[in-house]
Amino acid sequence: MRVSVMVLGDPAHSSAPRLALRALEMARLAGCVPDTAFLYHSGAYAALNLVDAARWRALADAGLRCLVCRSAWEERAPAGSVPAAPFVAASLVDWLQASERSGRVLRFGASG
């Protein structure tokens, strides 16, 4: 079964990114296929958080698509910057496609 997660919480004020990472790691250990992590709203800050970069990279090396919403990135990241690997800028269409591919879709954090 494929698993995708949406991260809405800012890592400075929410445990959402770390919980999403742990859920993906546990899903992988349980034999599931981590499909997509989509950072949306304040979750885009997780792509700037170097503390968890190695964990995201390890999941990406195992096939996880690490996406950050292009609009959220442009609002929150330094002007003219691009997300660092393993993250790439994407759109909600990419998230919808991941949701359709996945047997389980989880959301971590709140957008408000």
PDB file of N, CA and C in Angstrom:
ATOM      1  N   MET A   1       0.827  -1.168   0.000  1.00  0.00           N
ATOM      2  CA  MET A   1       0.000   0.000   0.000  1.00  0.00           C
ATOM      3  C   MET A   1       0.881   1.244   0.000  1.00  0.00           C
ATOM      4  N   ARG A   2       0.476   2.226  -0.771  1.00  0.00           N
ATOM      5  CA  ARG A   2       1.183   3.504  -0.837  1.00  0.00           C
ATOM      6  C   ARG A   2       0.633   4.452   0.220  1.00  0.00           C
ATOM      7  N   VAL A   3       1.542   5.262   0.798  1.00  0.00           N
ATOM      8  CA  VAL A   3       1.181   6.213   1.843  1.00  0.00           C
ATOM      9  C   VAL A   3       1.719   7.583   1.448  1.00  0.00           C
ATOM     10  N   SER A   4       0.862   8.603   1.553  1.00  0.00           N
ATOM     11  CA  SER A   4       1.279   9.983   1.298  1.00  0.00           C
ATOM     12  C   SER A   4       0.874  10.853   2.482  1.00  0.00           C
ATOM     13  N   VAL A   5       1.663  11.890   2.730  1.00  0.00           N
ATOM     14  CA  VAL A   5       1.373  12.794   3.841  1.00  0.00           C
ATOM     15  C   VAL A   5       1.400  14.244   3.369  1.00  0.00           C
ATOM     16  N   MET A   6       0.545  15.043   3.992  1.00  0.00           N
ATOM     17  CA  MET A   6       0.568  16.492   3.813  1.00  0.00           C
ATOM     18  C   MET A   6       1.003  17.076   5.148  1.00  0.00           C
ATOM     19  N   VAL A   7       1.973  17.965   5.109  1.00  0.00           N
ATOM     20  CA  VAL A   7       2.474  18.611   6.323  1.00  0.00           C
ATOM     21  C   VAL A   7       2.067  20.079   6.274  1.00  0.00           C
ATOM     22  N   LEU A   8       1.305  20.505   7.280  1.00  0.00           N
ATOM     23  CA  LEU A   8       0.821  21.881   7.337  1.00  0.00           C
ATOM     24  C   LEU A   8       1.491  22.713   8.425  1.00  0.00           C
ATOM     25  N   GLY A   9       2.125  22.054   9.392  1.00  0.00           N
ATOM     26  CA  GLY A   9       2.669  22.772  10.535  1.00  0.00           C
ATOM     27  C   GLY A   9       4.121  23.201  10.369  1.00  0.00           C
ATOM     28  N   ASP A  10       4.409  24.383  10.867  1.00  0.00           N
ATOM     29  CA  ASP A  10       5.752  24.961  10.893  1.00  0.00           C
ATOM     30  C   ASP A  10       6.591  24.195  11.915  1.00  0.00           C
ATOM     31  N   PRO A  11       7.788  23.704  11.558  1.00  0.00           N
ATOM     32  CA  PRO A  11       8.590  22.935  12.506  1.00  0.00           C
ATOM     33  C   PRO A  11       8.997  23.712  13.759  1.00  0.00           C
ATOM     34  N   ALA A  12       8.981  25.027  13.707  1.00  0.00           N
ATOM     35  CA  ALA A  12       9.347  25.828  14.882  1.00  0.00           C
ATOM     36  C   ALA A  12       8.215  25.875  15.909  1.00  0.00           C
ATOM     37  N   HIS A  13       6.979  25.628  15.474  1.00  0.00           N
ATOM     38  CA  HIS A  13       5.824  25.759  16.362  1.00  0.00           C
ATOM     39  C   HIS A  13       4.940  24.526  16.392  1.00  0.00           C
ATOM     40  N   SER A  14       5.333  23.488  15.713  1.00  0.00           N
ATOM     41  CA  SER A  14       4.482  22.310  15.583  1.00  0.00           C
ATOM     42  C   SER A  14       5.349  21.055  15.456  1.00  0.00           C
ATOM     43  N   SER A  15       4.830  19.962  15.933  1.00  0.00           N
ATOM     44  CA  SER A  15       5.528  18.682  15.770  1.00  0.00           C
ATOM     45  C   SER A  15       5.118  17.992  14.471  1.00  0.00           C
ATOM     46  N   ALA A  16       4.293  18.649  13.660  1.00  0.00           N
ATOM     47  CA  ALA A  16       3.758  18.036  12.437  1.00  0.00           C
ATOM     48  C   ALA A  16       4.836  17.459  11.510  1.00  0.00           C
ATOM     49  N   PRO A  17       5.900  18.199  11.185  1.00  0.00           N
ATOM     50  CA  PRO A  17       6.903  17.620  10.280  1.00  0.00           C
ATOM     51  C   PRO A  17       7.567  16.373  10.849  1.00  0.00           C
ATOM     52  N   ARG A  18       7.894  16.394  12.155  1.00  0.00           N
ATOM     53  CA  ARG A  18       8.539  15.222  12.755  1.00  0.00           C
ATOM     54  C   ARG A  18       7.585  14.044  12.849  1.00  0.00           C
ATOM     55  N   LEU A  19       6.323  14.310  13.137  1.00  0.00           N
ATOM     56  CA  LEU A  19       5.331  13.230  13.173  1.00  0.00           C
ATOM     57  C   LEU A  19       5.134  12.626  11.784  1.00  0.00           C
ATOM     58  N   ALA A  20       5.121  13.469  10.768  1.00  0.00           N
ATOM     59  CA  ALA A  20       4.983  12.972   9.394  1.00  0.00           C
ATOM     60  C   ALA A  20       6.178  12.102   9.016  1.00  0.00           C
ATOM     61  N   LEU A  21       7.376  12.560   9.359  1.00  0.00           N
ATOM     62  CA  LEU A  21       8.580  11.767   9.093  1.00  0.00           C
ATOM     63  C   LEU A  21       8.489  10.409   9.774  1.00  0.00           C
ATOM     64  N   ARG A  22       8.110  10.422  11.038  1.00  0.00           N
ATOM     65  CA  ARG A  22       8.029   9.165  11.789  1.00  0.00           C
ATOM     66  C   ARG A  22       6.974   8.240  11.202  1.00  0.00           C
ATOM     67  N   ALA A  23       5.838   8.789  10.805  1.00  0.00           N
ATOM     68  CA  ALA A  23       4.780   7.969  10.199  1.00  0.00           C
ATOM     69  C   ALA A  23       5.269   7.331   8.905  1.00  0.00           C
ATOM     70  N   LEU A  24       5.992   8.093   8.094  1.00  0.00           N
ATOM     71  CA  LEU A  24       6.520   7.555   6.838  1.00  0.00           C
ATOM     72  C   LEU A  24       7.576   6.486   7.099  1.00  0.00           C
ATOM     73  N   GLU A  25       8.436   6.727   8.086  1.00  0.00           N
ATOM     74  CA  GLU A  25       9.454   5.732   8.424  1.00  0.00           C
ATOM     75  C   GLU A  25       8.817   4.440   8.924  1.00  0.00           C
ATOM     76  N   MET A  26       7.804   4.573   9.771  1.00  0.00           N
ATOM     77  CA  MET A  26       7.120   3.389  10.310  1.00  0.00           C
ATOM     78  C   MET A  26       6.344   2.655   9.213  1.00  0.00           C
ATOM     79  N   ALA A  27       5.730   3.408   8.309  1.00  0.00           N
ATOM     80  CA  ALA A  27       5.000   2.786   7.199  1.00  0.00           C
ATOM     81  C   ALA A  27       5.956   1.968   6.341  1.00  0.00           C
ATOM     82  N   ARG A  28       7.122   2.527   6.103  1.00  0.00           N
ATOM     83  CA  ARG A  28       8.132   1.815   5.301  1.00  0.00           C
ATOM     84  C   ARG A  28       8.568   0.527   5.989  1.00  0.00           C
ATOM     85  N   LEU A  29       8.798   0.597   7.298  1.00  0.00           N
ATOM     86  CA  LEU A  29       9.193  -0.593   8.051  1.00  0.00           C
ATOM     87  C   LEU A  29       8.090  -1.654   8.057  1.00  0.00           C
ATOM     88  N   ALA A  30       6.839  -1.198   7.961  1.00  0.00           N
ATOM     89  CA  ALA A  30       5.703  -2.117   7.954  1.00  0.00           C
ATOM     90  C   ALA A  30       5.433  -2.691   6.562  1.00  0.00           C
ATOM     91  N   GLY A  31       6.249  -2.317   5.583  1.00  0.00           N
ATOM     92  CA  GLY A  31       6.099  -2.861   4.241  1.00  0.00           C
ATOM     93  C   GLY A  31       5.302  -1.995   3.286  1.00  0.00           C
ATOM     94  N   CYS A  32       4.899  -0.818   3.733  1.00  0.00           N
ATOM     95  CA  CYS A  32       4.186   0.111   2.847  1.00  0.00           C
ATOM     96  C   CYS A  32       5.196   0.900   2.013  1.00  0.00           C
ATOM     97  N   VAL A  33       4.698   1.527   0.973  1.00  0.00           N
ATOM     98  CA  VAL A  33       5.541   2.323   0.088  1.00  0.00           C
ATOM     99  C   VAL A  33       5.265   3.803   0.335  1.00  0.00           C
ATOM    100  N   PRO A  34       6.205   4.534   0.932  1.00  0.00           N
ATOM    101  CA  PRO A  34       6.019   5.980   1.071  1.00  0.00           C
ATOM    102  C   PRO A  34       6.021   6.621  -0.320  1.00  0.00           C
ATOM    103  N   ASP A  35       4.934   7.288  -0.667  1.00  0.00           N
ATOM    104  CA  ASP A  35       4.786   7.849  -2.007  1.00  0.00           C
ATOM    105  C   ASP A  35       5.191   9.319  -2.056  1.00  0.00           C
ATOM    106  N   THR A  36       4.497  10.166  -1.291  1.00  0.00           N
ATOM    107  CA  THR A  36       4.707  11.607  -1.391  1.00  0.00           C
ATOM    108  C   THR A  36       4.587  12.281  -0.032  1.00  0.00           C
ATOM    109  N   ALA A  37       5.463  13.247   0.213  1.00  0.00           N
ATOM    110  CA  ALA A  37       5.323  14.187   1.326  1.00  0.00           C
ATOM    111  C   ALA A  37       5.111  15.546   0.669  1.00  0.00           C
ATOM    112  N   PHE A  38       4.014  16.198   1.009  1.00  0.00           N
ATOM    113  CA  PHE A  38       3.680  17.491   0.420  1.00  0.00           C
ATOM    114  C   PHE A  38       3.653  18.530   1.529  1.00  0.00           C
ATOM    115  N   LEU A  39       4.573  19.492   1.467  1.00  0.00           N
ATOM    116  CA  LEU A  39       4.647  20.564   2.455  1.00  0.00           C
ATOM    117  C   LEU A  39       3.799  21.729   1.965  1.00  0.00           C
ATOM    118  N   TYR A  40       2.809  22.094   2.768  1.00  0.00           N
ATOM    119  CA  TYR A  40       1.810  23.077   2.357  1.00  0.00           C
ATOM    120  C   TYR A  40       1.632  24.112   3.465  1.00  0.00           C
ATOM    121  N   HIS A  41       1.226  25.312   3.119  1.00  0.00           N
ATOM    122  CA  HIS A  41       1.068  26.414   4.068  1.00  0.00           C
ATOM    123  C   HIS A  41       2.364  26.561   4.869  1.00  0.00           C
ATOM    124  N   SER A  42       2.277  26.628   6.200  1.00  0.00           N
ATOM    125  CA  SER A  42       3.471  26.794   7.036  1.00  0.00           C
ATOM    126  C   SER A  42       4.367  25.566   7.035  1.00  0.00           C
ATOM    127  N   GLY A  43       3.868  24.448   6.564  1.00  0.00           N
ATOM    128  CA  GLY A  43       4.692  23.243   6.443  1.00  0.00           C
ATOM    129  C   GLY A  43       5.859  23.445   5.499  1.00  0.00           C
ATOM    130  N   ALA A  44       5.771  24.452   4.633  1.00  0.00           N
ATOM    131  CA  ALA A  44       6.871  24.738   3.698  1.00  0.00           C
ATOM    132  C   ALA A  44       8.163  25.058   4.444  1.00  0.00           C
ATOM    133  N   TYR A  45       8.042  25.562   5.669  1.00  0.00           N
ATOM    134  CA  TYR A  45       9.245  25.848   6.455  1.00  0.00           C
ATOM    135  C   TYR A  45      10.059  24.586   6.730  1.00  0.00           C
ATOM    136  N   ALA A  46       9.429  23.426   6.696  1.00  0.00           N
ATOM    137  CA  ALA A  46      10.159  22.169   6.944  1.00  0.00           C
ATOM    138  C   ALA A  46      11.238  21.941   5.883  1.00  0.00           C
ATOM    139  N   ALA A  47      11.055  22.500   4.697  1.00  0.00           N
ATOM    140  CA  ALA A  47      12.073  22.363   3.646  1.00  0.00           C
ATOM    141  C   ALA A  47      13.293  23.237   3.938  1.00  0.00           C
ATOM    142  N   LEU A  48      13.152  24.156   4.869  1.00  0.00           N
ATOM    143  CA  LEU A  48      14.269  25.017   5.274  1.00  0.00           C
ATOM    144  C   LEU A  48      14.944  24.503   6.541  1.00  0.00           C
ATOM    145  N   ASN A  49      14.330  23.525   7.193  1.00  0.00           N
ATOM    146  CA  ASN A  49      14.807  23.008   8.469  1.00  0.00           C
ATOM    147  C   ASN A  49      15.874  21.938   8.238  1.00  0.00           C
ATOM    148  N   LEU A  50      17.121  22.295   8.465  1.00  0.00           N
ATOM    149  CA  LEU A  50      18.225  21.370   8.206  1.00  0.00           C
ATOM    150  C   LEU A  50      18.349  20.271   9.258  1.00  0.00           C
ATOM    151  N   VAL A  51      17.662  20.419  10.386  1.00  0.00           N
ATOM    152  CA  VAL A  51      17.750  19.426  11.456  1.00  0.00           C
ATOM    153  C   VAL A  51      17.283  18.049  10.970  1.00  0.00           C
ATOM    154  N   ASP A  52      16.193  18.015  10.203  1.00  0.00           N
ATOM    155  CA  ASP A  52      15.633  16.747   9.736  1.00  0.00           C
ATOM    156  C   ASP A  52      15.998  16.409   8.298  1.00  0.00           C
ATOM    157  N   ALA A  53      16.912  17.159   7.709  1.00  0.00           N
ATOM    158  CA  ALA A  53      17.251  16.970   6.291  1.00  0.00           C
ATOM    159  C   ALA A  53      17.715  15.552   5.980  1.00  0.00           C
ATOM    160  N   ALA A  54      18.522  14.959   6.840  1.00  0.00           N
ATOM    161  CA  ALA A  54      19.040  13.603   6.578  1.00  0.00           C
ATOM    162  C   ALA A  54      17.911  12.580   6.564  1.00  0.00           C
ATOM    163  N   ARG A  55      16.929  12.755   7.427  1.00  0.00           N
ATOM    164  CA  ARG A  55      15.794  11.815   7.452  1.00  0.00           C
ATOM    165  C   ARG A  55      14.955  11.939   6.182  1.00  0.00           C
ATOM    166  N   TRP A  56      14.717  13.175   5.742  1.00  0.00           N
ATOM    167  CA  TRP A  56      13.963  13.360   4.494  1.00  0.00           C
ATOM    168  C   TRP A  56      14.739  12.759   3.326  1.00  0.00           C
ATOM    169  N   ARG A  57      16.065  12.979   3.291  1.00  0.00           N
ATOM    170  CA  ARG A  57      16.894  12.435   2.209  1.00  0.00           C
ATOM    171  C   ARG A  57      16.864  10.917   2.188  1.00  0.00           C
ATOM    172  N   ALA A  58      16.911  10.298   3.359  1.00  0.00           N
ATOM    173  CA  ALA A  58      16.882   8.835   3.431  1.00  0.00           C
ATOM    174  C   ALA A  58      15.576   8.295   2.862  1.00  0.00           C
ATOM    175  N   LEU A  59      14.465   8.947   3.171  1.00  0.00           N
ATOM    176  CA  LEU A  59      13.175   8.518   2.615  1.00  0.00           C
ATOM    177  C   LEU A  59      13.121   8.776   1.111  1.00  0.00           C
ATOM    178  N   ALA A  60      13.678   9.908   0.688  1.00  0.00           N
ATOM    179  CA  ALA A  60      13.702  10.209  -0.750  1.00  0.00           C
ATOM    180  C   ALA A  60      14.541   9.178  -1.496  1.00  0.00           C
ATOM    181  N   ASP A  61      15.650   8.759  -0.898  1.00  0.00           N
ATOM    182  CA  ASP A  61      16.492   7.727  -1.521  1.00  0.00           C
ATOM    183  C   ASP A  61      15.737   6.410  -1.660  1.00  0.00           C
ATOM    184  N   ALA A  62      14.750   6.205  -0.790  1.00  0.00           N
ATOM    185  CA  ALA A  62      13.931   4.990  -0.839  1.00  0.00           C
ATOM    186  C   ALA A  62      12.706   5.161  -1.741  1.00  0.00           C
ATOM    187  N   GLY A  63      12.583   6.330  -2.402  1.00  0.00           N
ATOM    188  CA  GLY A  63      11.506   6.522  -3.364  1.00  0.00           C
ATOM    189  C   GLY A  63      10.455   7.560  -3.017  1.00  0.00           C
ATOM    190  N   LEU A  64      10.532   8.179  -1.834  1.00  0.00           N
ATOM    191  CA  LEU A  64       9.553   9.200  -1.457  1.00  0.00           C
ATOM    192  C   LEU A  64       9.710  10.447  -2.326  1.00  0.00           C
ATOM    193  N   ARG A  65       8.619  10.966  -2.829  1.00  0.00           N
ATOM    194  CA  ARG A  65       8.624  12.250  -3.535  1.00  0.00           C
ATOM    195  C   ARG A  65       8.471  13.336  -2.476  1.00  0.00           C
ATOM    196  N   CYS A  66       9.423  14.219  -2.373  1.00  0.00           N
ATOM    197  CA  CYS A  66       9.406  15.305  -1.394  1.00  0.00           C
ATOM    198  C   CYS A  66       9.047  16.600  -2.121  1.00  0.00           C
ATOM    199  N   LEU A  67       7.814  17.046  -1.925  1.00  0.00           N
ATOM    200  CA  LEU A  67       7.310  18.204  -2.648  1.00  0.00           C
ATOM    201  C   LEU A  67       6.973  19.337  -1.684  1.00  0.00           C
ATOM    202  N   VAL A  68       7.230  20.552  -2.112  1.00  0.00           N
ATOM    203  CA  VAL A  68       6.823  21.725  -1.349  1.00  0.00           C
ATOM    204  C   VAL A  68       5.959  22.584  -2.268  1.00  0.00           C
ATOM    205  N   CYS A  69       4.833  23.031  -1.741  1.00  0.00           N
ATOM    206  CA  CYS A  69       3.915  23.845  -2.546  1.00  0.00           C
ATOM    207  C   CYS A  69       4.642  25.104  -3.025  1.00  0.00           C
ATOM    208  N   ARG A  70       4.613  25.316  -4.306  1.00  0.00           N
ATOM    209  CA  ARG A  70       5.310  26.452  -4.922  1.00  0.00           C
ATOM    210  C   ARG A  70       4.822  27.777  -4.328  1.00  0.00           C
ATOM    211  N   SER A  71       3.521  27.949  -4.186  1.00  0.00           N
ATOM    212  CA  SER A  71       2.971  29.210  -3.646  1.00  0.00           C
ATOM    213  C   SER A  71       3.380  29.418  -2.197  1.00  0.00           C
ATOM    214  N   ALA A  72       3.302  28.354  -1.400  1.00  0.00           N
ATOM    215  CA  ALA A  72       3.695  28.447   0.009  1.00  0.00           C
ATOM    216  C   ALA A  72       5.182  28.776   0.118  1.00  0.00           C
ATOM    217  N   TRP A  73       5.984  28.161  -0.741  1.00  0.00           N
ATOM    218  CA  TRP A  73       7.429  28.420  -0.739  1.00  0.00           C
ATOM    219  C   TRP A  73       7.714  29.883  -1.053  1.00  0.00           C
ATOM    220  N   GLU A  74       7.071  30.399  -2.081  1.00  0.00           N
ATOM    221  CA  GLU A  74       7.311  31.788  -2.494  1.00  0.00           C
ATOM    222  C   GLU A  74       6.917  32.782  -1.409  1.00  0.00           C
ATOM    223  N   GLU A  75       5.916  32.446  -0.598  1.00  0.00           N
ATOM    224  CA  GLU A  75       5.485  33.327   0.485  1.00  0.00           C
ATOM    225  C   GLU A  75       6.413  33.276   1.690  1.00  0.00           C
ATOM    226  N   ARG A  76       7.082  32.136   1.901  1.00  0.00           N
ATOM    227  CA  ARG A  76       7.813  31.922   3.150  1.00  0.00           C
ATOM    228  C   ARG A  76       9.333  31.865   3.019  1.00  0.00           C
ATOM    229  N   ALA A  77       9.837  31.484   1.886  1.00  0.00           N
ATOM    230  CA  ALA A  77      11.287  31.313   1.717  1.00  0.00           C
ATOM    231  C   ALA A  77      11.926  32.629   1.273  1.00  0.00           C
ATOM    232  N   PRO A  78      13.244  32.733   1.427  1.00  0.00           N
ATOM    233  CA  PRO A  78      13.939  33.929   0.940  1.00  0.00           C
ATOM    234  C   PRO A  78      13.680  34.138  -0.557  1.00  0.00           C
ATOM    235  N   ALA A  79      13.528  35.374  -0.945  1.00  0.00           N
ATOM    236  CA  ALA A  79      13.226  35.706  -2.343  1.00  0.00           C
ATOM    237  C   ALA A  79      14.255  35.099  -3.288  1.00  0.00           C
ATOM    238  N   GLY A  80      13.758  34.478  -4.349  1.00  0.00           N
ATOM    239  CA  GLY A  80      14.617  33.917  -5.376  1.00  0.00           C
ATOM    240  C   GLY A  80      15.225  32.569  -5.040  1.00  0.00           C
ATOM    241  N   SER A  81      14.946  32.035  -3.853  1.00  0.00           N
ATOM    242  CA  SER A  81      15.536  30.748  -3.479  1.00  0.00           C
ATOM    243  C   SER A  81      14.719  29.590  -4.039  1.00  0.00           C
ATOM    244  N   VAL A  82      15.348  28.450  -4.124  1.00  0.00           N
ATOM    245  CA  VAL A  82      14.663  27.223  -4.550  1.00  0.00           C
ATOM    246  C   VAL A  82      14.824  26.202  -3.425  1.00  0.00           C
ATOM    247  N   PRO A  83      13.868  25.300  -3.290  1.00  0.00           N
ATOM    248  CA  PRO A  83      13.985  24.295  -2.233  1.00  0.00           C
ATOM    249  C   PRO A  83      15.237  23.436  -2.426  1.00  0.00           C
ATOM    250  N   ALA A  84      15.865  23.096  -1.323  1.00  0.00           N
ATOM    251  CA  ALA A  84      17.050  22.226  -1.371  1.00  0.00           C
ATOM    252  C   ALA A  84      16.617  20.775  -1.503  1.00  0.00           C
ATOM    253  N   ALA A  85      17.439  19.993  -2.183  1.00  0.00           N
ATOM    254  CA  ALA A  85      17.168  18.566  -2.331  1.00  0.00           C
ATOM    255  C   ALA A  85      17.008  17.949  -0.942  1.00  0.00           C
ATOM    256  N   PRO A  86      16.088  17.070  -0.772  1.00  0.00           N
ATOM    257  CA  PRO A  86      15.331  16.329  -1.771  1.00  0.00           C
ATOM    258  C   PRO A  86      14.029  17.000  -2.186  1.00  0.00           C
ATOM    259  N   PHE A  87      13.752  18.214  -1.679  1.00  0.00           N
ATOM    260  CA  PHE A  87      12.483  18.861  -1.987  1.00  0.00           C
ATOM    261  C   PHE A  87      12.510  19.548  -3.342  1.00  0.00           C
ATOM    262  N   VAL A  88      11.370  19.518  -3.997  1.00  0.00           N
ATOM    263  CA  VAL A  88      11.188  20.236  -5.256  1.00  0.00           C
ATOM    264  C   VAL A  88       9.867  20.987  -5.175  1.00  0.00           C
ATOM    265  N   ALA A  89       9.799  22.114  -5.858  1.00  0.00           N
ATOM    266  CA  ALA A  89       8.564  22.890  -5.899  1.00  0.00           C
ATOM    267  C   ALA A  89       7.522  22.155  -6.740  1.00  0.00           C
ATOM    268  N   ALA A  90       6.292  22.182  -6.264  1.00  0.00           N
ATOM    269  CA  ALA A  90       5.207  21.478  -6.948  1.00  0.00           C
ATOM    270  C   ALA A  90       3.903  22.241  -6.739  1.00  0.00           C
ATOM    271  N   SER A  91       2.832  21.677  -7.248  1.00  0.00           N
ATOM    272  CA  SER A  91       1.530  22.328  -7.119  1.00  0.00           C
ATOM    273  C   SER A  91       0.529  21.383  -6.470  1.00  0.00           C
ATOM    274  N   LEU A  92      -0.653  21.909  -6.198  1.00  0.00           N
ATOM    275  CA  LEU A  92      -1.704  21.072  -5.628  1.00  0.00           C
ATOM    276  C   LEU A  92      -2.105  19.936  -6.563  1.00  0.00           C
ATOM    277  N   VAL A  93      -1.904  20.109  -7.846  1.00  0.00           N
ATOM    278  CA  VAL A  93      -2.191  19.027  -8.795  1.00  0.00           C
ATOM    279  C   VAL A  93      -1.318  17.816  -8.478  1.00  0.00           C
ATOM    280  N   ASP A  94      -0.052  18.066  -8.153  1.00  0.00           N
ATOM    281  CA  ASP A  94       0.852  16.973  -7.786  1.00  0.00           C
ATOM    282  C   ASP A  94       0.362  16.261  -6.524  1.00  0.00           C
ATOM    283  N   TRP A  95      -0.155  17.045  -5.556  1.00  0.00           N
ATOM    284  CA  TRP A  95      -0.693  16.453  -4.340  1.00  0.00           C
ATOM    285  C   TRP A  95      -1.939  15.613  -4.653  1.00  0.00           C
ATOM    286  N   LEU A  96      -2.806  16.110  -5.500  1.00  0.00           N
ATOM    287  CA  LEU A  96      -4.011  15.352  -5.862  1.00  0.00           C
ATOM    288  C   LEU A  96      -3.648  14.039  -6.549  1.00  0.00           C
ATOM    289  N   GLN A  97      -2.661  14.068  -7.403  1.00  0.00           N
ATOM    290  CA  GLN A  97      -2.215  12.837  -8.055  1.00  0.00           C
ATOM    291  C   GLN A  97      -1.655  11.847  -7.041  1.00  0.00           C
ATOM    292  N   ALA A  98      -0.885  12.338  -6.080  1.00  0.00           N
ATOM    293  CA  ALA A  98      -0.344  11.465  -5.033  1.00  0.00           C
ATOM    294  C   ALA A  98      -1.475  10.871  -4.204  1.00  0.00           C
ATOM    295  N   SER A  99      -2.471  11.682  -3.909  1.00  0.00           N
ATOM    296  CA  SER A  99      -3.619  11.202  -3.130  1.00  0.00           C
ATOM    297  C   SER A  99      -4.353  10.089  -3.861  1.00  0.00           C
ATOM    298  N   GLU A 100      -4.485  10.222  -5.157  1.00  0.00           N
ATOM    299  CA  GLU A 100      -5.166   9.195  -5.955  1.00  0.00           C
ATOM    300  C   GLU A 100      -4.358   7.901  -6.006  1.00  0.00           C
ATOM    301  N   ARG A 101      -3.037   7.992  -6.014  1.00  0.00           N
ATOM    302  CA  ARG A 101      -2.173   6.808  -6.063  1.00  0.00           C
ATOM    303  C   ARG A 101      -2.113   6.068  -4.726  1.00  0.00           C
ATOM    304  N   SER A 102      -2.385   6.780  -3.651  1.00  0.00           N
ATOM    305  CA  SER A 102      -2.121   6.257  -2.314  1.00  0.00           C
ATOM    306  C   SER A 102      -3.340   5.600  -1.680  1.00  0.00           C
ATOM    307  N   GLY A 103      -3.072   4.493  -0.990  1.00  0.00           N
ATOM    308  CA  GLY A 103      -4.127   3.817  -0.239  1.00  0.00           C
ATOM    309  C   GLY A 103      -4.426   4.520   1.076  1.00  0.00           C
ATOM    310  N   ARG A 104      -3.438   5.232   1.613  1.00  0.00           N
ATOM    311  CA  ARG A 104      -3.596   6.007   2.839  1.00  0.00           C
ATOM    312  C   ARG A 104      -3.017   7.393   2.621  1.00  0.00           C
ATOM    313  N   VAL A 105      -3.776   8.393   3.059  1.00  0.00           N
ATOM    314  CA  VAL A 105      -3.345   9.794   2.963  1.00  0.00           C
ATOM    315  C   VAL A 105      -3.515  10.403   4.364  1.00  0.00           C
ATOM    316  N   LEU A 106      -2.446  10.942   4.893  1.00  0.00           N
ATOM    317  CA  LEU A 106      -2.461  11.500   6.228  1.00  0.00           C
ATOM    318  C   LEU A 106      -2.134  12.986   6.178  1.00  0.00           C
ATOM    319  N   ARG A 107      -2.739  13.740   7.103  1.00  0.00           N
ATOM    320  CA  ARG A 107      -2.479  15.173   7.200  1.00  0.00           C
ATOM    321  C   ARG A 107      -1.945  15.462   8.594  1.00  0.00           C
ATOM    322  N   PHE A 108      -0.865  16.230   8.672  1.00  0.00           N
ATOM    323  CA  PHE A 108      -0.261  16.576   9.946  1.00  0.00           C
ATOM    324  C   PHE A 108      -0.222  18.091  10.089  1.00  0.00           C
ATOM    325  N   GLY A 109      -0.802  18.606  11.172  1.00  0.00           N
ATOM    326  CA  GLY A 109      -0.817  20.033  11.426  1.00  0.00           C
ATOM    327  C   GLY A 109      -2.113  20.669  10.981  1.00  0.00           C
ATOM    328  N   ALA A 110      -2.202  21.966  11.234  1.00  0.00           N
ATOM    329  CA  ALA A 110      -3.392  22.739  10.873  1.00  0.00           C
ATOM    330  C   ALA A 110      -2.973  23.922  10.017  1.00  0.00           C
ATOM    331  N   SER A 111      -3.836  24.299   9.105  1.00  0.00           N
ATOM    332  CA  SER A 111      -3.489  25.391   8.176  1.00  0.00           C
ATOM    333  C   SER A 111      -3.800  26.764   8.759  1.00  0.00           C
ATOM    334  N   GLY A 112      -4.482  26.823   9.849  1.00  0.00           N
ATOM    335  CA  GLY A 112      -4.887  28.110  10.409  1.00  0.00           C
ATOM    336  C   GLY A 112      -3.894  28.660  11.279  1.00  0.00           C
TER     337      GLY A 112
END
